[in-house]
N, C-alpha and C. Protein backbone atom coordinates (compact mmCIF):
# COMPACT_ATOMS: atom_id res chain seq x y z
N MET A 1 1.00 -1.20 -0.12
CA MET A 1 0.10 0.29 -0.28
C MET A 1 0.44 1.17 0.27
N LYS A 2 0.84 1.54 -1.13
CA LYS A 2 1.72 3.10 -1.28
C LYS A 2 1.47 4.28 -0.87
N SER A 3 0.49 4.33 -0.82
CA SER A 3 -0.42 6.01 -0.41
C SER A 3 -1.07 5.84 0.98
N ALA A 4 -0.94 6.97 1.71
CA ALA A 4 -1.50 7.15 2.83
C ALA A 4 -2.91 6.88 3.11
N GLY A 5 -3.90 7.50 2.03
CA GLY A 5 -4.94 7.23 2.15
C GLY A 5 -5.62 5.67 1.83
N THR A 6 -4.99 4.94 0.66
CA THR A 6 -5.24 3.64 1.11
C THR A 6 -5.11 2.37 2.27
N THR A 7 -3.66 3.36 3.18
CA THR A 7 -3.69 2.36 4.36
C THR A 7 -4.80 2.86 5.59
N ILE A 8 -5.19 4.04 5.64
CA ILE A 8 -6.27 4.66 6.20
C ILE A 8 -7.32 3.83 6.01
N PHE A 9 -7.96 3.70 4.54
CA PHE A 9 -9.16 3.67 4.29
C PHE A 9 -8.70 2.17 4.50
N ALA A 10 -7.91 1.19 4.11
CA ALA A 10 -8.13 -0.38 4.94
C ALA A 10 -8.11 -0.37 6.41
N VAL A 11 -7.25 0.27 7.17
CA VAL A 11 -7.28 0.01 8.42
C VAL A 11 -8.85 0.28 8.94
N LEU A 12 -9.31 1.54 8.98
CA LEU A 12 -10.72 1.88 9.04
C LEU A 12 -11.79 0.97 8.41
N PHE A 13 -11.70 0.43 7.51
CA PHE A 13 -12.45 -0.82 6.80
C PHE A 13 -12.59 -1.68 7.83
N CYS A 14 -11.37 -2.29 7.91
CA CYS A 14 -11.50 -3.35 8.73
C CYS A 14 -11.61 -3.67 10.20
N LEU A 15 -10.62 -2.22 10.85
CA LEU A 15 -11.37 -1.86 12.07
C LEU A 15 -13.06 -1.81 12.13
N VAL A 16 -13.79 -1.46 11.24
CA VAL A 16 -15.27 -1.44 11.77
C VAL A 16 -15.77 -2.93 11.38
N ILE A 17 -15.36 -3.41 10.61
CA ILE A 17 -15.97 -4.37 10.03
C ILE A 17 -15.37 -5.46 11.61
N GLY A 18 -14.88 -5.76 11.75
CA GLY A 18 -13.68 -6.40 12.93
C GLY A 18 -14.81 -6.10 13.86
N VAL A 19 -15.06 -4.79 14.59
CA VAL A 19 -15.93 -4.64 15.62
C VAL A 19 -17.18 -5.14 15.33
N LEU A 20 -17.64 -5.06 14.26
CA LEU A 20 -18.96 -5.23 13.67
C LEU A 20 -19.05 -6.89 14.31
N CYS A 21 -17.72 -7.75 13.90
CA CYS A 21 -17.73 -9.03 13.89
C CYS A 21 -17.62 -9.59 15.18
N ALA A 22 -16.62 -8.90 16.09
CA ALA A 22 -16.75 -9.08 17.38
C ALA A 22 -18.07 -8.77 18.22
N ALA A 23 -18.83 -7.67 17.64
CA ALA A 23 -20.27 -7.65 18.60
C ALA A 23 -21.50 -8.44 18.30
N TRP A 24 -20.97 -8.84 16.63
CA TRP A 24 -22.15 -10.21 16.40
C TRP A 24 -21.64 -11.64 17.45
N THR A 25 -20.23 -11.59 17.37
CA THR A 25 -20.00 -12.91 17.81
C THR A 25 -20.67 -12.85 19.58
N ILE A 26 -20.71 -11.76 20.07
CA ILE A 26 -20.69 -11.46 21.74
C ILE A 26 -22.31 -11.61 21.54
N THR A 27 -23.56 -11.33 20.79
CA THR A 27 -25.18 -11.47 20.56
C THR A 27 -25.10 -12.60 20.58
N THR A 28 -24.32 -13.49 19.64
CA THR A 28 -24.72 -14.87 18.94
C THR A 28 -24.51 -15.55 19.92
N LEU A 29 -23.41 -15.20 21.09
CA LEU A 29 -23.11 -16.16 22.35
C LEU A 29 -24.34 -16.06 23.17
N SER A 30 -25.12 -14.59 22.93
CA SER A 30 -25.70 -15.18 24.05
C SER A 30 -27.15 -15.28 23.64
N ARG A 31 -27.43 -14.95 22.82
CA ARG A 31 -28.72 -16.05 22.26
C ARG A 31 -28.66 -17.41 21.92
N GLY A 32 -27.05 -18.39 22.12
CA GLY A 32 -26.93 -19.38 22.38
C GLY A 32 -26.78 -19.83 20.41
N GLY A 33 -26.58 -19.10 19.82
CA GLY A 33 -26.34 -19.31 18.61
C GLY A 33 -24.24 -19.91 18.31
N TYR A 34 -24.43 -21.28 19.00
CA TYR A 34 -22.92 -21.62 19.35
C TYR A 34 -22.33 -21.99 17.91
N LEU A 35 -23.04 -22.11 16.38
CA LEU A 35 -22.43 -22.65 15.13
C LEU A 35 -22.03 -21.03 14.20
N THR A 36 -22.81 -20.44 15.03
CA THR A 36 -22.59 -18.88 14.42
C THR A 36 -21.51 -18.16 14.82
N ALA A 37 -21.15 -18.14 16.51
CA ALA A 37 -20.16 -17.84 16.86
C ALA A 37 -18.83 -17.82 16.43
N PRO A 38 -18.17 -18.75 16.28
CA PRO A 38 -16.91 -19.25 15.19
C PRO A 38 -16.70 -18.72 14.08
N VAL A 39 -17.74 -18.47 13.71
CA VAL A 39 -17.17 -17.79 11.95
C VAL A 39 -17.17 -16.54 12.49
N THR A 40 -18.17 -16.03 13.32
CA THR A 40 -17.93 -14.50 13.38
C THR A 40 -16.78 -14.00 13.99
N ALA A 41 -16.59 -14.78 15.36
CA ALA A 41 -15.10 -14.56 15.58
C ALA A 41 -13.71 -14.35 14.68
N ALA A 42 -13.52 -16.00 14.34
CA ALA A 42 -13.03 -15.98 12.87
C ALA A 42 -12.52 -14.24 12.26
N GLY A 43 -13.84 -14.05 11.64
CA GLY A 43 -13.77 -13.01 10.92
C GLY A 43 -13.17 -11.91 11.78
N ALA A 44 -13.72 -11.61 12.73
CA ALA A 44 -13.31 -10.41 13.99
C ALA A 44 -11.78 -10.76 13.92
N VAL A 45 -11.09 -12.06 14.21
CA VAL A 45 -9.72 -12.25 14.15
C VAL A 45 -8.95 -11.75 13.16
N SER A 46 -9.31 -12.54 12.02
CA SER A 46 -8.75 -12.10 10.89
C SER A 46 -8.40 -10.86 10.15
N LEU A 47 -9.64 -10.03 10.58
CA LEU A 47 -9.54 -8.86 10.24
C LEU A 47 -8.27 -7.77 11.12
N ALA A 48 -8.58 -8.21 12.71
CA ALA A 48 -7.72 -7.52 13.64
C ALA A 48 -6.59 -7.96 13.44
N ALA A 49 -5.86 -9.06 12.98
CA ALA A 49 -4.59 -9.31 12.46
C ALA A 49 -4.03 -9.12 11.54
N PHE A 50 -4.76 -8.86 10.54
CA PHE A 50 -4.52 -7.90 9.31
C PHE A 50 -4.06 -6.16 9.22
N THR A 51 -4.96 -6.03 10.33
CA THR A 51 -4.81 -4.64 10.47
C THR A 51 -3.79 -4.04 11.48
N LEU A 52 -3.37 -4.91 12.05
CA LEU A 52 -2.33 -4.86 13.27
C LEU A 52 -0.94 -4.99 12.18
N TRP A 53 -1.07 -6.23 10.98
CA TRP A 53 0.02 -6.28 10.01
C TRP A 53 0.01 -5.19 9.12
N ILE A 54 -0.62 -4.50 8.51
CA ILE A 54 -0.89 -3.52 7.90
C ILE A 54 -0.24 -1.74 8.85
N LEU A 55 -0.59 -1.99 10.18
CA LEU A 55 0.18 -0.71 10.78
C LEU A 55 1.46 -1.32 10.97
N ARG A 56 1.85 -2.37 11.43
CA ARG A 56 3.15 -2.55 11.32
C ARG A 56 4.44 -2.28 10.44
N MET A 57 3.30 -2.63 9.22
CA MET A 57 4.51 -2.57 7.87
C MET A 57 4.49 -1.46 7.96
N LYS A 58 3.42 0.04 8.16
CA LYS A 58 3.24 1.16 7.48
C LYS A 58 4.14 2.20 8.43
N LEU A 59 4.62 1.37 9.57
CA LEU A 59 5.46 2.14 10.55
C LEU A 59 7.03 1.84 10.88
N GLY A 60 6.97 1.26 9.54
CA GLY A 60 8.22 0.11 9.62
C GLY A 60 8.97 -0.57 10.89
N GLU A 61 8.12 -1.48 11.27
CA GLU A 61 8.56 -2.15 12.24
C GLU A 61 8.76 -3.73 11.73
N LEU A 62 8.57 -3.57 10.72
CA LEU A 62 9.01 -5.14 9.93
C LEU A 62 10.38 -5.53 9.31
N THR A 63 10.86 -6.17 10.38
CA THR A 63 12.26 -6.55 10.12
C THR A 63 12.82 -8.02 9.45
N VAL A 64 13.59 -8.18 9.01
CA VAL A 64 14.29 -9.30 8.49
C VAL A 64 15.13 -10.32 8.93
N GLN A 65 14.15 -11.39 9.16
CA GLN A 65 15.62 -12.26 10.10
C GLN A 65 16.50 -13.39 9.01
N VAL A 66 17.27 -13.16 9.24
CA VAL A 66 18.38 -14.24 8.73
C VAL A 66 19.31 -14.83 9.99
N THR A 67 19.08 -16.65 8.69
CA THR A 67 19.76 -17.32 9.53
C THR A 67 21.10 -18.16 8.76
N SER A 68 21.71 -18.20 9.12
CA SER A 68 23.23 -18.48 8.37
C SER A 68 23.29 -19.94 8.72
N THR A 69 23.17 -20.52 7.95
CA THR A 69 24.06 -22.11 7.91
C THR A 69 25.69 -22.67 6.92
N PRO A 70 25.88 -23.86 6.97
CA PRO A 70 27.07 -23.93 6.44
C PRO A 70 26.22 -24.10 4.76
N GLU A 71 25.12 -24.24 4.59
CA GLU A 71 24.34 -24.69 3.50
C GLU A 71 24.35 -23.68 2.49
N GLY A 72 23.95 -22.43 3.64
CA GLY A 72 23.70 -21.28 2.71
C GLY A 72 22.94 -20.49 3.70
N THR A 73 21.92 -19.23 2.94
CA THR A 73 21.68 -18.41 4.19
C THR A 73 19.80 -17.81 3.95
N THR A 74 19.04 -17.86 4.66
CA THR A 74 17.87 -17.86 4.64
C THR A 74 17.33 -16.52 5.24
N VAL A 75 16.61 -15.59 4.35
CA VAL A 75 15.89 -14.71 4.88
C VAL A 75 14.39 -14.69 5.05
N ARG A 76 14.09 -14.75 6.12
CA ARG A 76 12.34 -14.58 5.99
C ARG A 76 12.07 -13.29 6.97
N PRO A 77 11.02 -13.06 7.00
CA PRO A 77 10.23 -11.79 7.20
C PRO A 77 9.83 -11.81 8.80
N ASP A 78 9.99 -11.15 9.79
CA ASP A 78 10.24 -11.27 11.24
C ASP A 78 9.25 -12.32 12.17
N ARG A 79 9.22 -12.59 12.87
CA ARG A 79 8.13 -13.34 13.44
C ARG A 79 7.02 -12.76 13.67
N LEU A 80 6.75 -11.89 14.50
CA LEU A 80 5.36 -11.52 14.65
C LEU A 80 4.56 -10.74 13.39
N GLY A 81 5.48 -10.22 12.50
CA GLY A 81 4.53 -9.71 11.16
C GLY A 81 4.02 -11.40 10.42
N ASP A 82 4.51 -12.07 10.16
CA ASP A 82 4.35 -13.28 9.77
C ASP A 82 3.38 -14.05 10.18
N LEU A 83 3.23 -13.81 11.66
CA LEU A 83 2.69 -14.66 12.45
C LEU A 83 1.31 -13.86 11.98
N LEU A 84 1.51 -12.94 12.42
CA LEU A 84 0.05 -12.02 11.76
C LEU A 84 -0.57 -12.33 10.91
N ILE A 85 0.53 -12.13 9.91
CA ILE A 85 -0.30 -12.79 8.38
C ILE A 85 -1.14 -14.39 8.37
N ARG A 86 -0.22 -15.42 8.87
CA ARG A 86 -0.66 -16.56 8.87
C ARG A 86 -1.71 -16.29 9.63
N THR A 87 -2.45 -15.43 11.22
CA THR A 87 -3.18 -15.88 11.38
C THR A 87 -4.61 -15.05 10.71
N ALA A 88 -4.31 -14.32 9.65
CA ALA A 88 -5.60 -13.65 9.47
C ALA A 88 -5.12 -14.67 8.42
N MET A 89 -4.81 -15.54 7.67
CA MET A 89 -5.18 -16.20 6.30
C MET A 89 -5.93 -17.61 7.10
N PHE A 90 -5.20 -17.92 8.16
CA PHE A 90 -6.20 -19.03 8.89
C PHE A 90 -7.39 -18.98 9.00
N SER A 91 -7.78 -17.81 9.48
CA SER A 91 -8.59 -17.57 10.85
C SER A 91 -9.91 -17.19 9.14
N GLY A 92 -9.50 -16.32 8.57
CA GLY A 92 -10.27 -15.84 7.36
C GLY A 92 -10.59 -17.20 6.26
N VAL A 93 -10.00 -18.38 6.00
CA VAL A 93 -10.25 -19.31 5.34
C VAL A 93 -11.14 -20.13 6.20
N SER A 94 -10.82 -20.25 7.36
CA SER A 94 -11.86 -21.26 8.17
C SER A 94 -12.85 -20.77 8.41
N ALA A 95 -13.24 -19.29 8.50
CA ALA A 95 -14.33 -18.74 8.34
C ALA A 95 -15.28 -19.00 7.60
N MET A 96 -14.76 -18.81 5.93
CA MET A 96 -15.03 -18.70 5.07
C MET A 96 -15.56 -20.75 4.83
N ALA A 97 -14.89 -21.26 5.41
CA ALA A 97 -15.24 -22.88 4.59
C ALA A 97 -16.69 -23.15 5.43
N VAL A 98 -16.40 -22.57 7.09
CA VAL A 98 -17.49 -22.39 7.56
C VAL A 98 -18.85 -22.34 7.43
N PHE A 99 -18.56 -21.01 6.88
CA PHE A 99 -19.79 -20.08 6.45
C PHE A 99 -20.27 -20.98 5.07
N ALA A 100 -19.71 -21.44 3.98
CA ALA A 100 -19.85 -22.02 2.60
C ALA A 100 -20.81 -23.42 3.04
N VAL A 101 -20.29 -23.85 4.14
CA VAL A 101 -20.96 -25.32 3.86
C VAL A 101 -22.45 -24.93 5.46
N LEU A 102 -22.20 -24.15 6.17
CA LEU A 102 -23.58 -23.76 6.93
C LEU A 102 -24.56 -23.24 6.51
N GLN A 103 -24.37 -22.09 5.92
CA GLN A 103 -24.82 -20.87 5.64
C GLN A 103 -26.31 -21.46 4.63
N PRO A 104 -25.93 -22.34 3.79
CA PRO A 104 -26.76 -23.10 2.92
C PRO A 104 -28.18 -23.86 3.37
N ILE A 105 -27.37 -24.65 4.09
CA ILE A 105 -28.15 -25.69 4.90
C ILE A 105 -29.23 -24.59 6.26
N GLY A 106 -28.78 -23.46 6.49
CA GLY A 106 -29.83 -22.80 7.22
C GLY A 106 -29.45 -22.55 9.08
N LEU A 107 -28.20 -23.26 8.89
CA LEU A 107 -27.89 -23.56 10.42
C LEU A 107 -26.67 -22.29 11.20
N LEU A 108 -26.96 -21.27 10.42
CA LEU A 108 -25.89 -20.00 10.82
C LEU A 108 -26.88 -18.91 10.90
N ASP A 109 -26.69 -17.89 11.91
CA ASP A 109 -27.73 -16.63 12.28
C ASP A 109 -27.01 -15.70 11.34
N ILE A 110 -26.94 -15.06 10.33
CA ILE A 110 -26.53 -14.36 9.83
C ILE A 110 -27.14 -14.32 8.57
N PRO A 111 -27.49 -12.85 8.15
CA PRO A 111 -28.62 -12.50 7.55
C PRO A 111 -27.43 -12.14 6.16
N VAL A 112 -28.39 -13.37 5.32
CA VAL A 112 -27.83 -12.86 3.83
C VAL A 112 -29.25 -12.60 3.10
N PRO A 113 -28.83 -11.52 2.16
CA PRO A 113 -30.09 -11.18 1.23
C PRO A 113 -30.93 -11.94 0.35
N HIS A 114 -31.98 -12.37 0.09
CA HIS A 114 -32.44 -13.06 -0.54
C HIS A 114 -31.85 -13.11 -2.11
N SER A 115 -30.86 -12.28 -2.73
CA SER A 115 -30.83 -12.41 -3.71
C SER A 115 -29.16 -12.58 -3.51
N ALA A 116 -28.18 -12.77 -3.01
CA ALA A 116 -27.19 -13.04 -2.47
C ALA A 116 -27.29 -14.74 -1.90
N ARG A 117 -28.51 -14.96 -1.90
CA ARG A 117 -28.24 -16.15 -0.88
C ARG A 117 -27.34 -17.53 -1.79
N TYR A 118 -27.30 -17.45 -3.40
CA TYR A 118 -26.34 -18.35 -3.45
C TYR A 118 -24.76 -18.02 -3.50
N TYR A 119 -24.72 -17.01 -3.76
CA TYR A 119 -23.97 -16.23 -4.49
C TYR A 119 -22.79 -15.86 -3.01
N LEU A 120 -23.24 -15.67 -2.16
CA LEU A 120 -22.13 -15.43 -0.72
C LEU A 120 -21.65 -17.16 -0.48
N PRO A 121 -22.52 -18.05 -0.52
CA PRO A 121 -22.12 -19.17 0.04
C PRO A 121 -20.47 -19.80 -0.68
N PHE A 122 -21.24 -19.81 -2.36
CA PHE A 122 -20.40 -20.22 -3.02
C PHE A 122 -19.08 -19.32 -3.28
N MET A 123 -18.80 -17.64 -3.00
CA MET A 123 -18.00 -17.00 -3.22
C MET A 123 -17.27 -16.98 -1.98
N SER A 124 -17.62 -17.93 -0.90
CA SER A 124 -17.04 -18.45 0.54
C SER A 124 -16.21 -19.59 0.33
N ALA A 125 -16.69 -20.49 -0.84
CA ALA A 125 -16.35 -21.53 -1.01
C ALA A 125 -15.13 -21.68 -1.68
N VAL A 126 -15.29 -19.98 -2.79
CA VAL A 126 -14.00 -20.42 -3.54
C VAL A 126 -12.93 -19.76 -2.77
N GLY A 127 -13.42 -18.61 -1.80
CA GLY A 127 -11.79 -18.14 -0.93
C GLY A 127 -11.50 -19.06 -0.43
N ALA A 128 -12.23 -20.34 0.28
CA ALA A 128 -11.63 -21.15 1.22
C ALA A 128 -10.51 -22.10 0.25
N LEU A 129 -11.53 -22.87 -1.28
CA LEU A 129 -10.55 -23.80 -1.39
C LEU A 129 -9.47 -22.99 -1.99
N SER A 130 -9.62 -21.82 -2.37
CA SER A 130 -8.06 -21.02 -2.84
C SER A 130 -7.23 -20.86 -2.22
N GLY A 131 -7.75 -20.80 -0.58
CA GLY A 131 -6.97 -20.15 0.17
C GLY A 131 -6.34 -21.36 1.33
N ALA A 132 -6.81 -21.88 1.27
CA ALA A 132 -6.41 -24.11 1.87
C ALA A 132 -4.43 -23.78 1.52
N PRO A 133 -4.00 -24.28 0.02
CA PRO A 133 -3.33 -24.80 -0.30
C PRO A 133 -2.30 -23.73 -0.01
N VAL A 134 -2.02 -21.84 0.30
CA VAL A 134 -1.62 -21.38 1.11
C VAL A 134 -1.48 -20.99 2.47
N VAL A 135 -2.52 -21.61 3.14
CA VAL A 135 -2.07 -21.63 4.52
C VAL A 135 -1.44 -22.86 4.91
N ILE A 136 -1.72 -24.09 4.15
CA ILE A 136 -1.47 -25.52 4.33
C ILE A 136 0.25 -24.94 4.23
N ARG A 137 0.83 -24.54 2.90
CA ARG A 137 1.79 -24.27 2.70
C ARG A 137 3.02 -23.58 3.77
N ALA A 138 2.40 -22.47 4.05
CA ALA A 138 2.62 -21.32 5.34
C ALA A 138 3.46 -22.17 6.25
N PHE A 139 2.28 -22.83 6.79
CA PHE A 139 2.12 -23.59 8.25
C PHE A 139 3.58 -24.75 8.13
N ALA A 140 3.47 -25.65 6.58
CA ALA A 140 4.59 -26.35 6.63
C ALA A 140 5.88 -25.95 6.58
N ARG A 141 6.03 -24.89 6.21
CA ARG A 141 7.27 -24.29 5.75
C ARG A 141 7.84 -23.49 6.78
N GLY A 142 6.75 -23.13 8.05
CA GLY A 142 6.78 -22.02 9.15
C GLY A 142 7.09 -20.58 8.79
N SER A 143 6.51 -20.55 7.40
CA SER A 143 6.64 -19.06 6.92
C SER A 143 5.58 -18.57 5.55
N MET A 144 5.61 -17.76 5.69
CA MET A 144 4.45 -17.34 4.23
C MET A 144 5.72 -17.05 3.20
N SER A 145 6.59 -16.60 3.22
CA SER A 145 7.88 -16.12 2.46
C SER A 145 9.35 -16.59 2.57
N TYR A 146 10.48 -16.77 2.16
CA TYR A 146 11.18 -17.09 2.44
C TYR A 146 12.63 -16.88 0.92
N LEU A 147 13.34 -16.49 1.42
CA LEU A 147 14.34 -16.47 0.23
C LEU A 147 15.91 -17.38 0.70
N ARG A 148 16.24 -18.15 0.25
CA ARG A 148 17.37 -19.04 0.72
C ARG A 148 18.52 -19.33 -0.91
N LEU A 149 19.69 -18.52 -0.32
CA LEU A 149 20.81 -18.41 -0.71
C LEU A 149 21.65 -19.40 -0.89
N THR A 150 22.32 -20.27 -1.45
CA THR A 150 23.29 -21.17 -1.61
C THR A 150 24.64 -21.04 -2.70
N ARG A 151 25.54 -21.97 -2.77
CA ARG A 151 26.25 -21.77 -3.70
C ARG A 151 25.50 -22.32 -4.58
N LYS A 152 24.61 -23.40 -4.37
CA LYS A 152 24.61 -23.64 -6.08
C LYS A 152 23.25 -22.80 -6.69
N GLY A 153 22.71 -21.77 -6.04
CA GLY A 153 21.61 -20.93 -6.37
C GLY A 153 20.89 -20.28 -5.20
N SER A 154 19.82 -19.79 -5.77
CA SER A 154 19.12 -19.10 -4.51
C SER A 154 17.27 -19.99 -5.00
N SER A 155 16.70 -20.04 -4.01
CA SER A 155 15.28 -20.55 -4.03
C SER A 155 14.20 -19.53 -3.06
N SER A 156 13.18 -19.73 -3.76
CA SER A 156 11.79 -18.99 -2.71
C SER A 156 10.42 -19.45 -3.37
N PRO A 157 9.39 -19.16 -2.74
CA PRO A 157 8.69 -19.87 -2.73
C PRO A 157 8.06 -19.58 -4.39
N ARG A 158 8.45 -18.43 -5.04
CA ARG A 158 8.30 -18.23 -6.38
C ARG A 158 9.16 -18.99 -7.32
N GLY A 159 10.24 -19.70 -7.00
CA GLY A 159 11.12 -20.19 -7.74
C GLY A 159 12.51 -20.76 -7.53
N ALA A 160 13.23 -21.14 -8.25
CA ALA A 160 15.04 -20.88 -8.16
C ALA A 160 15.26 -20.50 -9.06
N THR A 161 16.16 -20.17 -8.61
CA THR A 161 17.71 -20.19 -9.96
C THR A 161 19.12 -20.48 -9.51
N ARG A 162 19.65 -20.70 -11.02
CA ARG A 162 20.97 -21.64 -10.55
C ARG A 162 22.01 -20.83 -11.48
N ASN A 163 23.28 -21.72 -11.31
CA ASN A 163 24.60 -20.88 -11.63
C ASN A 163 24.95 -19.13 -11.24
N VAL A 164 24.54 -19.16 -9.85
CA VAL A 164 24.55 -17.85 -9.24
C VAL A 164 26.07 -17.97 -8.99
N ALA A 165 26.88 -16.96 -9.56
CA ALA A 165 28.48 -16.59 -9.03
C ALA A 165 28.36 -15.23 -8.15
N ASP A 166 29.55 -15.18 -7.42
CA ASP A 166 29.85 -14.44 -6.23
C ASP A 166 29.56 -13.12 -6.43
N GLY A 167 28.46 -12.62 -5.77
CA GLY A 167 27.74 -10.90 -6.17
C GLY A 167 26.97 -10.83 -6.72
N THR A 168 26.56 -11.79 -7.75
CA THR A 168 25.48 -11.79 -8.61
C THR A 168 24.14 -12.06 -8.35
N VAL A 169 23.92 -12.19 -6.75
CA VAL A 169 22.33 -12.65 -6.76
C VAL A 169 21.14 -12.03 -7.40
N CYS A 170 21.42 -10.45 -7.02
CA CYS A 170 20.62 -9.77 -7.36
C CYS A 170 20.33 -9.11 -9.30
N LYS A 171 21.85 -10.01 -9.77
CA LYS A 171 21.75 -10.06 -11.16
C LYS A 171 20.85 -11.21 -12.03
N ALA A 172 21.29 -11.93 -10.86
CA ALA A 172 20.51 -13.30 -11.47
C ALA A 172 18.98 -13.92 -10.98
N LEU A 173 18.41 -12.67 -10.00
CA LEU A 173 16.84 -13.43 -9.78
C LEU A 173 16.32 -11.71 -10.78
N PRO A 174 14.90 -12.61 -11.20
CA PRO A 174 14.37 -11.34 -12.44
C PRO A 174 13.96 -10.47 -11.33
N ILE A 175 13.53 -9.54 -11.55
CA ILE A 175 13.66 -8.29 -11.00
C ILE A 175 12.20 -8.49 -10.39
N ALA A 176 11.22 -8.98 -10.33
CA ALA A 176 9.57 -9.86 -9.31
C ALA A 176 10.39 -9.92 -7.71
N HIS A 177 11.76 -10.59 -7.92
CA HIS A 177 12.50 -11.50 -6.97
C HIS A 177 13.55 -10.36 -6.14
N ARG A 178 14.00 -9.33 -6.79
CA ARG A 178 14.67 -8.81 -5.78
C ARG A 178 14.55 -7.97 -5.01
N ILE A 179 15.22 -8.03 -3.55
CA ILE A 179 14.80 -7.23 -2.39
C ILE A 179 15.96 -5.89 -1.83
N VAL A 180 14.78 -5.03 -1.75
CA VAL A 180 15.67 -4.05 -1.31
C VAL A 180 15.48 -3.72 0.55
N LEU A 181 16.88 -4.33 0.87
CA LEU A 181 16.40 -3.98 2.57
C LEU A 181 17.26 -3.23 2.81
N ARG A 182 16.22 -2.33 3.66
CA ARG A 182 16.43 -0.82 4.33
C ARG A 182 16.24 -0.94 5.99
N PRO A 183 17.41 -0.47 6.75
CA PRO A 183 16.90 -0.57 7.89
C PRO A 183 15.59 -0.24 8.63
N ARG A 184 15.16 -1.75 9.14
CA ARG A 184 14.38 -1.79 10.20
C ARG A 184 13.01 -1.46 9.16
N ALA A 185 12.97 -2.31 7.90
CA ALA A 185 12.09 -1.73 6.66
C ALA A 185 12.01 -3.24 5.46
N LEU A 186 11.08 -3.44 5.16
CA LEU A 186 11.15 -3.81 3.83
C LEU A 186 10.02 -3.54 2.75
N ARG A 187 10.46 -3.99 1.68
CA ARG A 187 9.49 -3.32 0.81
C ARG A 187 7.92 -3.88 0.76
N SER A 188 7.33 -3.35 0.32
CA SER A 188 5.71 -4.01 0.98
C SER A 188 5.37 -5.07 -0.04
N SER A 189 5.97 -4.64 -0.80
CA SER A 189 5.56 -5.82 -2.17
C SER A 189 5.91 -7.18 -1.66
N TRP A 190 6.82 -7.41 -0.88
CA TRP A 190 7.79 -8.65 -0.54
C TRP A 190 6.96 -9.39 0.37
């Protein structure tokens, strides 16, 4: 997010919808809606984690974690930023999956307009199915992204390069893979 206006809009949108989800969770729990509460709570957690990640990114508090072994060097985002994104992804995908299954059969106390009664569960299923592999891969690798530099080349979730000579890592990587490290900040597109 390059502009301040976009960041402010995203934070306000996530905060407002997240607070509404949290209020809906409390309301449904008080009414005995024990199937609806996890869906709305997961939505609130997802939006809160995403909001905190956006704020950390804009304040320049995302740092780089570098691990060096004899086999090579691995560069990852900091643990808190990565944990926030994984939490947002996992809770969002979980909420969409449960909504897609339980809303069409009428077990959720979430009002859906009559014109969108087929569209919203379908799109939730699409979101859950497309997000599930990302969440599984992130938890299996221990991070959302990484860059591993070795003597044989480099590898990342986007692919690998070979024949990397001394000092030519940035020249060998495609432009989309280049990382500009600044003190206490990463490019937001990384």
